[in-house]
């Protein structure tokens, strides 16, 4: 790869793998439907798909901003693009979640407890305020990661100009700010910041903005911070993800491309569709072979639903987002 690179094909396949990993984590481990301890222990690692998503965001967003010659005056355009691209499907999934909760109230086989959210809670979810309000909960469990991503977009859009400066002192200030914040500021974004940073410095190195020494130094610092704040599993996931991106840069098979294309849609709605289906079927099918059939059906239903959601919600929002330009024209998404 070199500084002229505009797109990294393998990232699409990695998105698909990450989305499927999270889906299987929720279907097999988190749902409680499967009792087999071996399967549960294996698919418990599926939650590491979130880490892969964060590394990918650490690579993709700076890559797009660098290629677009992003400047601080493009802050509004950048956020407009991200809101159209990311938030429209997010809002649609909220509507879908609320619709499910309404239907759930009329299903006799569910528990007597009402899960229908208050207007106040819906507002907290829409504006990613749940972490800052005592007792507030996400309507959909995956939304916590979208809140982290939103904070990341906000931070990077303000700090990106520091990273593309020729003077190393500006970048050092950025590195110190991020690593220091991860230690002293009790906000979720900063706890996950070293993972995003690993992706950021990788793309800075590939685009020849920083040299190998600076890249390795910052990456080592990131690995230390990740180990201190998280787990060895997450650390290894970050390292393996970067390794795959670097070695298999142009690998993007058709099946990987398909799942990469629907990955965001699948991530958003798999709990609404798939887990809900499992919860409903769990009242009627309890034998091991029946559970396998239910899991396979839930996976296919979720994938098909994600394909439809992507076709009619996500693709139009992506197309609309591409029409928003920075001060220097660029056609990337």
Protein backbone atom coordinates (compact mmCIF):
# COMPACT_ATOMS: atom_id res chain seq x y z
CA UNK A 1 0.00 0.00 0.00
CA UNK A 2 1.04 3.62 -0.46
CA UNK A 3 -0.08 7.17 0.16
CA UNK A 4 -2.31 7.11 -2.92
CA UNK A 5 -4.59 4.41 -1.50
CA UNK A 6 -8.27 5.36 -1.45
CA UNK A 7 -9.90 2.08 -0.45
CA UNK A 8 -8.97 -1.09 1.43
CA UNK A 9 -11.10 -4.03 0.11
CA UNK A 10 -10.44 -6.44 3.00
CA UNK A 11 -12.21 -4.08 5.40
CA UNK A 12 -15.52 -4.96 3.77
CA UNK A 13 -15.05 -8.67 4.47
CA UNK A 14 -13.88 -7.92 8.01
CA UNK A 15 -17.06 -5.92 8.62
CA UNK A 16 -19.10 -8.92 7.55
CA UNK A 17 -17.13 -11.31 9.77
CA UNK A 18 -17.43 -8.93 12.73
CA UNK A 19 -21.19 -8.56 12.26
CA UNK A 20 -21.71 -12.33 12.04
CA UNK A 21 -19.57 -12.84 15.15
CA UNK A 22 -21.72 -10.43 17.15
CA UNK A 23 -24.91 -12.02 15.81
CA UNK A 24 -23.80 -15.51 16.85
CA UNK A 25 -22.73 -14.17 20.24
CA UNK A 26 -26.23 -12.85 20.87
CA UNK A 27 -28.02 -15.88 19.41
CA UNK A 28 -25.97 -18.58 21.11
CA UNK A 29 -24.46 -17.03 24.22
CA UNK A 30 -26.46 -13.98 25.25
CA UNK A 31 -29.94 -15.33 24.50
CA UNK A 32 -29.55 -18.20 26.95
CA UNK A 33 -31.34 -20.52 24.54
CA UNK A 34 -28.34 -22.82 24.14
CA UNK A 35 -27.23 -24.69 27.25
CA UNK A 36 -24.23 -26.53 25.83
CA UNK A 37 -21.21 -25.20 27.75
CA UNK A 38 -18.76 -25.84 24.90
CA UNK A 39 -20.79 -23.89 22.35
CA UNK A 40 -21.41 -21.09 24.82
CA UNK A 41 -17.71 -20.79 25.63
CA UNK A 42 -16.81 -20.70 21.93
CA UNK A 43 -19.38 -18.16 20.82
CA UNK A 44 -18.78 -15.98 23.86
CA UNK A 45 -15.82 -14.69 21.84
CA UNK A 46 -18.25 -13.36 19.26
CA UNK A 47 -18.49 -10.10 21.18
CA UNK A 48 -14.94 -9.37 19.98
CA UNK A 49 -16.57 -8.42 16.70
CA UNK A 50 -17.21 -5.04 18.32
CA UNK A 51 -13.45 -4.58 18.74
CA UNK A 52 -12.96 -5.33 15.04
CA UNK A 53 -15.56 -2.66 14.19
CA UNK A 54 -13.69 -0.11 16.32
CA UNK A 55 -10.36 -0.89 14.63
CA UNK A 56 -12.02 -0.59 11.22
CA UNK A 57 -13.48 2.80 12.17
CA UNK A 58 -10.02 3.84 13.32
CA UNK A 59 -8.78 3.09 9.81
CA UNK A 60 -11.68 4.12 7.57
CA UNK A 61 -12.69 7.50 8.98
CA UNK A 62 -9.18 9.03 8.95
CA UNK A 63 -8.55 7.49 5.50
CA UNK A 64 -11.64 9.21 4.13
CA UNK A 65 -10.74 12.50 5.84
CA UNK A 66 -7.15 12.42 4.56
CA UNK A 67 -8.25 11.62 1.01
CA UNK A 68 -10.77 14.45 1.22
CA UNK A 69 -8.10 16.86 2.49
CA UNK A 70 -10.29 17.48 5.53
CA UNK A 71 -9.96 20.85 7.23
CA UNK A 72 -11.62 22.14 10.38
CA UNK A 73 -13.96 24.24 8.22
CA UNK A 74 -15.35 20.94 6.91
CA UNK A 75 -16.63 20.04 10.39
CA UNK A 76 -20.26 20.69 9.46
CA UNK A 77 -20.03 18.77 6.17
CA UNK A 78 -18.32 15.85 7.88
CA UNK A 79 -20.99 15.59 10.52
CA UNK A 80 -23.76 16.02 8.02
CA UNK A 81 -22.35 13.11 6.00
CA UNK A 82 -22.05 10.89 9.08
CA UNK A 83 -25.53 11.73 10.38
CA UNK A 84 -27.13 10.93 7.03
CA UNK A 85 -25.04 7.80 6.53
CA UNK A 86 -25.24 6.36 10.05
CA UNK A 87 -28.13 7.98 11.89
CA UNK A 88 -30.92 7.42 9.35
CA UNK A 89 -30.56 3.61 9.59
CA UNK A 90 -30.16 4.02 13.36
CA UNK A 91 -33.45 5.96 13.62
CA UNK A 92 -35.16 3.38 11.42
CA UNK A 93 -33.95 0.61 13.73
CA UNK A 94 -35.32 2.50 16.73
CA UNK A 95 -38.72 2.65 15.05
CA UNK A 96 -38.44 -1.07 14.32
CA UNK A 97 -37.47 -1.77 17.95
CA UNK A 98 -40.40 0.23 19.31
CA UNK A 99 -42.76 -1.50 16.88
CA UNK A 100 -41.55 -4.87 18.13
CA UNK A 101 -42.07 -3.82 21.75
CA UNK A 102 -45.61 -2.72 20.91
CA UNK A 103 -46.36 -6.09 19.28
CA UNK A 104 -44.74 -7.87 22.20
CA UNK A 105 -47.34 -6.43 24.55
CA UNK A 106 -49.98 -8.53 22.79
CA UNK A 107 -48.09 -11.84 22.67
CA UNK A 108 -49.41 -14.14 25.44
CA UNK A 109 -46.26 -16.29 25.58
CA UNK A 110 -44.03 -13.44 26.72
CA UNK A 111 -43.51 -12.46 30.34
CA UNK A 112 -45.97 -10.17 32.03
CA UNK A 113 -43.37 -7.42 32.41
CA UNK A 114 -43.84 -4.49 30.04
CA UNK A 115 -40.67 -3.43 28.22
CA UNK A 116 -42.25 -0.58 26.27
CA UNK A 117 -39.96 2.47 26.64
CA UNK A 118 -41.11 5.85 27.86
CA UNK A 119 -40.82 8.90 25.62
CA UNK A 120 -38.03 10.10 27.86
CA UNK A 121 -36.07 6.88 27.38
CA UNK A 122 -36.57 7.03 23.61
CA UNK A 123 -35.10 10.54 23.60
CA UNK A 124 -32.12 9.35 25.65
CA UNK A 125 -31.51 6.61 23.07
CA UNK A 126 -31.85 8.89 20.05
CA UNK A 127 -29.31 11.36 21.39
CA UNK A 128 -26.97 8.74 22.91
CA UNK A 129 -27.55 10.07 26.43
CA UNK A 130 -28.13 6.70 28.10
CA UNK A 131 -24.61 6.45 29.63
CA UNK A 132 -25.06 9.84 31.26
CA UNK A 133 -28.48 9.24 32.84
CA UNK A 134 -28.85 7.05 35.92
CA UNK A 135 -31.19 4.13 35.36
CA UNK A 136 -31.51 4.69 31.61
CA UNK A 137 -31.17 1.64 29.35
CA UNK A 138 -30.61 1.07 25.66
CA UNK A 139 -33.71 -0.01 23.76
CA UNK A 140 -31.43 -2.23 21.68
CA UNK A 141 -28.26 -3.53 23.42
CA UNK A 142 -26.04 -2.84 20.39
CA UNK A 143 -26.69 0.90 20.59
CA UNK A 144 -23.96 1.43 23.17
CA UNK A 145 -21.36 0.92 20.44
CA UNK A 146 -23.05 3.51 18.21
CA UNK A 147 -22.74 5.99 21.07
CA UNK A 148 -18.99 5.29 21.23
CA UNK A 149 -18.70 5.70 17.46
CA UNK A 150 -20.61 9.00 17.56
CA UNK A 151 -18.27 10.36 20.24
CA UNK A 152 -15.33 9.18 18.14
CA UNK A 153 -16.63 11.05 15.07
CA UNK A 154 -17.05 14.19 17.14
CA UNK A 155 -13.57 13.97 18.66
CA UNK A 156 -11.79 13.12 15.41
CA UNK A 157 -13.54 15.84 13.42
CA UNK A 158 -12.14 18.38 15.89
CA UNK A 159 -8.67 16.85 16.30
CA UNK A 160 -7.91 15.47 12.83
CA UNK A 161 -6.04 18.62 11.72
CA UNK A 162 -3.45 17.86 14.43
CA UNK A 163 -2.75 14.46 12.91
CA UNK A 164 -1.98 15.66 9.41
CA UNK A 165 0.49 18.35 10.47
CA UNK A 166 4.08 17.96 9.30
CA UNK A 167 5.34 18.95 12.75
CA UNK A 168 5.51 15.89 15.01
CA UNK A 169 4.79 18.07 18.06
CA UNK A 170 1.13 18.41 17.01
CA UNK A 171 0.71 14.65 16.69
CA UNK A 172 2.50 14.06 19.97
CA UNK A 173 0.01 16.40 21.63
CA UNK A 174 -2.81 14.31 20.12
CA UNK A 175 -1.26 11.05 21.32
CA UNK A 176 -0.79 12.41 24.83
CA UNK A 177 -4.31 13.79 24.87
CA UNK A 178 -5.83 10.45 23.91
CA UNK A 179 -3.70 8.26 26.17
CA UNK A 180 -3.99 10.68 29.08
CA UNK A 181 -7.76 10.89 28.71
CA UNK A 182 -8.03 7.10 28.74
CA UNK A 183 -6.44 7.16 32.18
CA UNK A 184 -8.05 10.17 33.83
CA UNK A 185 -11.42 10.75 32.14
CA UNK A 186 -14.20 8.28 33.08
CA UNK A 187 -15.98 8.39 29.70
CA UNK A 188 -16.47 5.21 27.68
CA UNK A 189 -14.98 6.72 24.52
CA UNK A 190 -11.62 7.24 26.19
CA UNK A 191 -11.54 3.67 27.50
CA UNK A 192 -11.91 2.46 23.90
CA UNK A 193 -9.78 5.26 22.39
CA UNK A 194 -6.52 3.23 22.22
CA UNK A 195 -8.32 0.72 19.97
CA UNK A 196 -9.41 3.46 17.58
CA UNK A 197 -5.90 4.92 17.86
CA UNK A 198 -4.32 1.66 16.71
CA UNK A 199 -6.31 1.93 13.48
CA UNK A 200 -5.59 5.65 13.14
CA UNK A 201 -1.80 5.36 13.39
CA UNK A 202 -1.85 2.40 11.02
CA UNK A 203 -3.49 4.45 8.28
CA UNK A 204 -1.22 7.43 9.03
CA UNK A 205 1.73 5.12 8.47
CA UNK A 206 0.27 3.66 5.27
CA UNK A 207 -0.45 7.15 3.94
CA UNK A 208 3.17 8.08 4.76
CA UNK A 209 2.17 10.83 7.15
CA UNK A 210 4.21 9.22 9.94
CA UNK A 211 7.34 7.06 9.74
CA UNK A 212 7.79 3.48 10.92
CA UNK A 213 9.41 4.49 14.22
CA UNK A 214 6.53 6.75 15.19
CA UNK A 215 3.99 4.12 14.12
CA UNK A 216 5.60 1.32 16.15
CA UNK A 217 6.09 3.56 19.19
CA UNK A 218 2.47 4.71 19.29
CA UNK A 219 1.20 1.20 18.54
CA UNK A 220 3.17 -0.17 21.50
CA UNK A 221 1.66 2.51 23.73
CA UNK A 222 -1.78 1.57 22.42
CA UNK A 223 -1.22 -2.11 23.17
CA UNK A 224 -0.20 -1.27 26.73
CA UNK A 225 -3.30 0.90 27.25
CA UNK A 226 -5.58 -1.75 25.73
CA UNK A 227 -4.10 -4.42 27.98
CA UNK A 228 -4.56 -2.23 31.07
CA UNK A 229 -8.15 -1.22 30.30
CA UNK A 230 -9.51 -4.34 28.63
CA UNK A 231 -8.35 -7.93 28.19
CA UNK A 232 -5.75 -9.98 26.39
CA UNK A 233 -8.51 -11.22 24.05
CA UNK A 234 -9.32 -7.68 22.94
CA UNK A 235 -5.63 -6.86 22.56
CA UNK A 236 -5.03 -9.92 20.39
CA UNK A 237 -8.12 -9.05 18.31
CA UNK A 238 -6.70 -5.59 17.59
CA UNK A 239 -3.30 -7.00 16.59
CA UNK A 240 -4.79 -9.77 14.42
CA UNK A 241 -7.17 -7.33 12.72
CA UNK A 242 -4.32 -4.98 11.78
CA UNK A 243 -2.24 -7.95 10.59
CA UNK A 244 -5.05 -9.19 8.34
CA UNK A 245 -5.64 -5.71 6.92
CA UNK A 246 -1.96 -5.33 6.10
CA UNK A 247 -1.33 -8.80 4.66
CA UNK A 248 -4.65 -9.40 2.88
CA UNK A 249 -5.34 -5.82 1.82
CA UNK A 250 -7.03 -6.56 -1.50
CA UNK A 251 -8.83 -9.75 -0.51
CA UNK A 252 -12.60 -9.31 -0.74
CA UNK A 253 -14.49 -12.44 -1.93
CA UNK A 254 -18.10 -12.14 -3.08
CA UNK A 255 -19.51 -13.68 0.08
CA UNK A 256 -17.38 -11.34 2.18
CA UNK A 257 -18.48 -8.39 0.08
CA UNK A 258 -22.13 -9.35 0.56
CA UNK A 259 -21.91 -9.61 4.33
CA UNK A 260 -19.80 -6.46 4.46
CA UNK A 261 -22.47 -4.62 2.50
CA UNK A 262 -25.23 -5.62 4.92
CA UNK A 263 -23.07 -5.64 8.07
CA UNK A 264 -24.39 -2.39 9.55
CA UNK A 265 -28.00 -3.35 8.84
CA UNK A 266 -27.44 -6.83 10.27
CA UNK A 267 -25.79 -5.35 13.34
CA UNK A 268 -28.68 -2.95 13.92
CA UNK A 269 -31.62 -5.33 13.56
CA UNK A 270 -30.44 -8.85 14.38
CA UNK A 271 -31.62 -8.62 17.99
CA UNK A 272 -34.98 -7.18 16.96
CA UNK A 273 -35.51 -9.90 14.36
CA UNK A 274 -33.36 -12.91 15.21
CA UNK A 275 -33.26 -12.86 19.00
CA UNK A 276 -36.97 -12.09 19.15
CA UNK A 277 -37.62 -15.11 16.92
CA UNK A 278 -35.48 -17.29 19.22
CA UNK A 279 -37.30 -16.03 22.31
CA UNK A 280 -40.65 -16.84 20.73
CA UNK A 281 -39.61 -20.30 19.50
CA UNK A 282 -37.93 -21.20 22.79
CA UNK A 283 -41.38 -21.76 24.31
CA UNK A 284 -42.13 -24.53 21.82
CA UNK A 285 -38.83 -26.12 20.76
CA UNK A 286 -36.54 -27.40 23.50
CA UNK A 287 -34.80 -30.49 22.13
CA UNK A 288 -31.17 -30.03 21.01
CA UNK A 289 -31.86 -30.71 17.32
CA UNK A 290 -34.85 -28.36 17.42
CA UNK A 291 -32.70 -25.62 18.90
CA UNK A 292 -30.22 -26.04 16.05
CA UNK A 293 -33.02 -25.61 13.52
CA UNK A 294 -34.33 -22.53 15.35
CA UNK A 295 -30.83 -20.98 15.39
CA UNK A 296 -30.30 -21.61 11.68
CA UNK A 297 -33.73 -20.17 10.90
CA UNK A 298 -33.09 -17.12 13.06
CA UNK A 299 -29.79 -16.51 11.26
CA UNK A 300 -31.34 -16.76 7.79
CA UNK A 301 -34.29 -14.57 8.80
CA UNK A 302 -31.90 -11.97 10.21
CA UNK A 303 -29.69 -11.99 7.10
CA UNK A 304 -32.69 -11.67 4.78
CA UNK A 305 -34.16 -8.88 6.90
CA UNK A 306 -30.80 -7.09 6.92
CA UNK A 307 -30.65 -7.37 3.12
CA UNK A 308 -34.09 -5.72 2.84
CA UNK A 309 -33.18 -3.09 5.44
CA UNK A 310 -29.95 -2.35 3.59
CA UNK A 311 -31.74 -2.13 0.24
CA UNK A 312 -34.47 0.27 1.31
CA UNK A 313 -32.95 2.16 4.26
CA UNK A 314 -29.16 1.99 4.37
CA UNK A 315 -28.34 2.24 0.65
CA UNK A 316 -30.50 5.34 0.08
CA UNK A 317 -28.94 7.01 3.14
CA UNK A 318 -25.46 6.14 1.87
CA UNK A 319 -26.27 7.57 -1.55
CA UNK A 320 -27.66 10.74 0.02
CA UNK A 321 -24.58 11.05 2.23
CA UNK A 322 -22.26 10.86 -0.79
CA UNK A 323 -23.83 14.03 -2.16
CA UNK A 324 -22.46 16.06 0.75
CA UNK A 325 -19.04 17.37 -0.22
CA UNK A 326 -16.12 18.82 1.70
CA UNK A 327 -14.56 22.11 0.63
CA UNK A 328 -12.31 20.07 -1.67
CA UNK A 329 -14.39 17.68 -3.71
CA UNK A 330 -14.03 13.96 -3.00
CA UNK A 331 -16.30 11.11 -4.03
CA UNK A 332 -15.60 8.72 -1.11
CA UNK A 333 -18.26 7.73 1.43
